[in-house]
Amino acid sequence: MEWLKDYWWVILIILVGIFINTIKALNKLNYKHYLDKKKGIKPIPYNDDEDDDWPSRPQQK
């Protein structure tokens, strides 16, 4: 662990570089395109009553 005391600044530079590259990659994402694409997808029909293995809850009074 002696090398960590001598080269802590190298690790810090690497972490800052990773952080900056992550921010750049996130800025390139186009969430508006994703939302427009998502509007065209029809939802999967799901009926809550079908294939329900759990017992129904008793009515609370």
N, C-alpha and C. Protein backbone atom coordinates (compact mmCIF):
# COMPACT_ATOMS: atom_id res chain seq x y z
N MET A 1 0.80 -1.20 0.00
CA MET A 1 0.00 0.00 0.00
C MET A 1 0.85 1.27 0.00
N GLU A 2 2.12 1.08 0.01
CA GLU A 2 3.01 2.25 -0.02
C GLU A 2 2.88 3.01 -1.34
N TRP A 3 2.66 2.27 -2.42
CA TRP A 3 2.53 2.91 -3.73
C TRP A 3 1.29 3.80 -3.77
N LEU A 4 0.26 3.47 -2.98
CA LEU A 4 -0.95 4.29 -2.95
C LEU A 4 -0.66 5.67 -2.37
N LYS A 5 0.21 5.72 -1.41
CA LYS A 5 0.58 7.01 -0.83
C LYS A 5 1.35 7.87 -1.84
N ASP A 6 2.15 7.20 -2.69
CA ASP A 6 2.97 7.93 -3.66
C ASP A 6 2.20 8.34 -4.90
N TYR A 7 1.23 7.52 -5.32
CA TYR A 7 0.55 7.74 -6.60
C TYR A 7 -0.95 7.96 -6.46
N TRP A 8 -1.39 8.58 -5.38
CA TRP A 8 -2.81 8.84 -5.19
C TRP A 8 -3.34 9.79 -6.24
N TRP A 9 -2.51 10.68 -6.73
CA TRP A 9 -2.95 11.67 -7.70
C TRP A 9 -3.25 11.02 -9.05
N VAL A 10 -2.57 9.92 -9.38
CA VAL A 10 -2.85 9.22 -10.64
C VAL A 10 -4.24 8.60 -10.59
N ILE A 11 -4.58 8.01 -9.45
CA ILE A 11 -5.91 7.41 -9.28
C ILE A 11 -6.97 8.50 -9.35
N LEU A 12 -6.69 9.66 -8.77
CA LEU A 12 -7.63 10.77 -8.81
C LEU A 12 -7.86 11.26 -10.24
N ILE A 13 -6.81 11.34 -11.04
CA ILE A 13 -6.94 11.77 -12.44
C ILE A 13 -7.77 10.76 -13.23
N ILE A 14 -7.55 9.48 -12.99
CA ILE A 14 -8.33 8.44 -13.69
C ILE A 14 -9.81 8.54 -13.33
N LEU A 15 -10.12 8.73 -12.06
CA LEU A 15 -11.51 8.84 -11.63
C LEU A 15 -12.18 10.09 -12.21
N VAL A 16 -11.46 11.19 -12.27
CA VAL A 16 -12.01 12.42 -12.87
C VAL A 16 -12.26 12.20 -14.36
N GLY A 17 -11.37 11.50 -15.04
CA GLY A 17 -11.56 11.20 -16.46
C GLY A 17 -12.78 10.33 -16.70
N ILE A 18 -12.97 9.33 -15.86
CA ILE A 18 -14.14 8.47 -15.98
C ILE A 18 -15.41 9.29 -15.76
N PHE A 19 -15.40 10.17 -14.79
CA PHE A 19 -16.55 11.02 -14.48
C PHE A 19 -16.89 11.93 -15.66
N ILE A 20 -15.88 12.56 -16.26
CA ILE A 20 -16.10 13.46 -17.39
C ILE A 20 -16.63 12.69 -18.60
N ASN A 21 -16.07 11.51 -18.88
CA ASN A 21 -16.55 10.71 -20.01
C ASN A 21 -17.98 10.24 -19.80
N THR A 22 -18.35 9.95 -18.57
CA THR A 22 -19.72 9.55 -18.27
C THR A 22 -20.68 10.70 -18.53
N ILE A 23 -20.32 11.89 -18.13
CA ILE A 23 -21.18 13.06 -18.37
C ILE A 23 -21.32 13.31 -19.87
N LYS A 24 -20.25 13.18 -20.62
CA LYS A 24 -20.31 13.37 -22.07
C LYS A 24 -21.23 12.34 -22.72
N ALA A 25 -21.13 11.08 -22.29
CA ALA A 25 -21.97 10.03 -22.85
C ALA A 25 -23.44 10.25 -22.51
N LEU A 26 -23.72 10.70 -21.31
CA LEU A 26 -25.11 10.96 -20.92
C LEU A 26 -25.68 12.16 -21.68
N ASN A 27 -24.85 13.12 -22.01
CA ASN A 27 -25.33 14.27 -22.78
C ASN A 27 -25.65 13.89 -24.22
N LYS A 28 -25.05 12.83 -24.73
CA LYS A 28 -25.31 12.39 -26.10
C LYS A 28 -26.63 11.65 -26.23
N LEU A 29 -27.18 11.18 -25.12
CA LEU A 29 -28.44 10.45 -25.16
C LEU A 29 -29.57 11.38 -25.56
N ASN A 30 -30.45 10.87 -26.41
CA ASN A 30 -31.58 11.65 -26.88
C ASN A 30 -32.85 11.05 -26.29
N TYR A 31 -33.28 11.56 -25.17
CA TYR A 31 -34.44 10.98 -24.50
C TYR A 31 -35.73 11.30 -25.25
N LYS A 32 -35.77 12.40 -26.02
CA LYS A 32 -36.98 12.73 -26.78
C LYS A 32 -37.23 11.69 -27.87
N HIS A 33 -36.18 11.23 -28.50
CA HIS A 33 -36.32 10.18 -29.51
C HIS A 33 -36.84 8.90 -28.87
N TYR A 34 -36.36 8.59 -27.70
CA TYR A 34 -36.81 7.39 -26.98
C TYR A 34 -38.29 7.49 -26.64
N LEU A 35 -38.73 8.66 -26.17
CA LEU A 35 -40.13 8.83 -25.80
C LEU A 35 -41.03 8.76 -27.03
N ASP A 36 -40.59 9.33 -28.16
CA ASP A 36 -41.37 9.26 -29.40
C ASP A 36 -41.48 7.82 -29.88
N LYS A 37 -40.40 7.08 -29.78
CA LYS A 37 -40.40 5.68 -30.20
C LYS A 37 -41.29 4.85 -29.29
N LYS A 38 -41.31 5.17 -28.02
CA LYS A 38 -42.09 4.43 -27.04
C LYS A 38 -43.59 4.61 -27.25
N LYS A 39 -44.01 5.74 -27.78
CA LYS A 39 -45.44 6.00 -28.01
C LYS A 39 -46.04 5.04 -29.02
N GLY A 40 -45.25 4.55 -29.95
CA GLY A 40 -45.75 3.66 -30.98
C GLY A 40 -45.91 2.22 -30.53
N ILE A 41 -45.37 1.88 -29.38
CA ILE A 41 -45.43 0.50 -28.88
C ILE A 41 -46.73 0.32 -28.11
N LYS A 42 -47.47 -0.71 -28.47
CA LYS A 42 -48.71 -0.98 -27.75
C LYS A 42 -48.37 -1.76 -26.48
N PRO A 43 -49.05 -1.45 -25.39
CA PRO A 43 -48.78 -2.18 -24.14
C PRO A 43 -49.29 -3.62 -24.22
N ILE A 44 -48.65 -4.48 -23.49
CA ILE A 44 -49.06 -5.88 -23.44
C ILE A 44 -50.33 -5.97 -22.59
N PRO A 45 -51.38 -6.59 -23.12
CA PRO A 45 -52.60 -6.69 -22.31
C PRO A 45 -52.36 -7.60 -21.11
N TYR A 46 -52.84 -7.16 -19.99
CA TYR A 46 -52.67 -7.92 -18.77
C TYR A 46 -53.97 -7.87 -18.00
N ASN A 47 -54.50 -9.03 -17.71
CA ASN A 47 -55.71 -9.12 -16.93
C ASN A 47 -55.33 -9.60 -15.54
N ASP A 48 -55.66 -8.82 -14.55
CA ASP A 48 -55.26 -9.13 -13.19
C ASP A 48 -55.89 -10.42 -12.66
N ASP A 49 -57.06 -10.78 -13.18
CA ASP A 49 -57.78 -11.93 -12.65
C ASP A 49 -57.27 -13.26 -13.19
N GLU A 50 -56.66 -13.25 -14.36
CA GLU A 50 -56.19 -14.49 -14.97
C GLU A 50 -54.89 -14.95 -14.31
N ASP A 51 -54.78 -16.26 -14.14
CA ASP A 51 -53.56 -16.88 -13.64
C ASP A 51 -53.09 -16.27 -12.31
N ASP A 52 -54.04 -15.97 -11.47
CA ASP A 52 -53.69 -15.39 -10.19
C ASP A 52 -53.66 -16.51 -9.15
N ASP A 53 -52.48 -16.88 -8.71
CA ASP A 53 -52.32 -17.97 -7.76
C ASP A 53 -52.50 -17.52 -6.31
N TRP A 54 -52.41 -16.23 -6.08
CA TRP A 54 -52.52 -15.73 -4.71
C TRP A 54 -53.99 -15.72 -4.28
N PRO A 55 -54.25 -16.08 -3.05
CA PRO A 55 -55.63 -15.99 -2.57
C PRO A 55 -56.04 -14.53 -2.45
N SER A 56 -57.31 -14.27 -2.70
CA SER A 56 -57.76 -12.89 -2.63
C SER A 56 -57.80 -12.44 -1.18
N ARG A 57 -57.62 -11.17 -0.97
CA ARG A 57 -57.61 -10.61 0.37
C ARG A 57 -59.04 -10.54 0.89
N PRO A 58 -59.22 -10.82 2.16
CA PRO A 58 -60.56 -10.66 2.73
C PRO A 58 -60.89 -9.17 2.84
N GLN A 59 -62.15 -8.86 2.73
CA GLN A 59 -62.59 -7.47 2.81
C GLN A 59 -62.36 -6.94 4.23
N GLN A 60 -61.74 -5.79 4.32
CA GLN A 60 -61.52 -5.18 5.62
C GLN A 60 -62.70 -4.27 5.96
N LYS A 61 -63.16 -4.38 7.17
CA LYS A 61 -64.32 -3.58 7.57
C LYS A 61 -63.91 -2.44 8.46
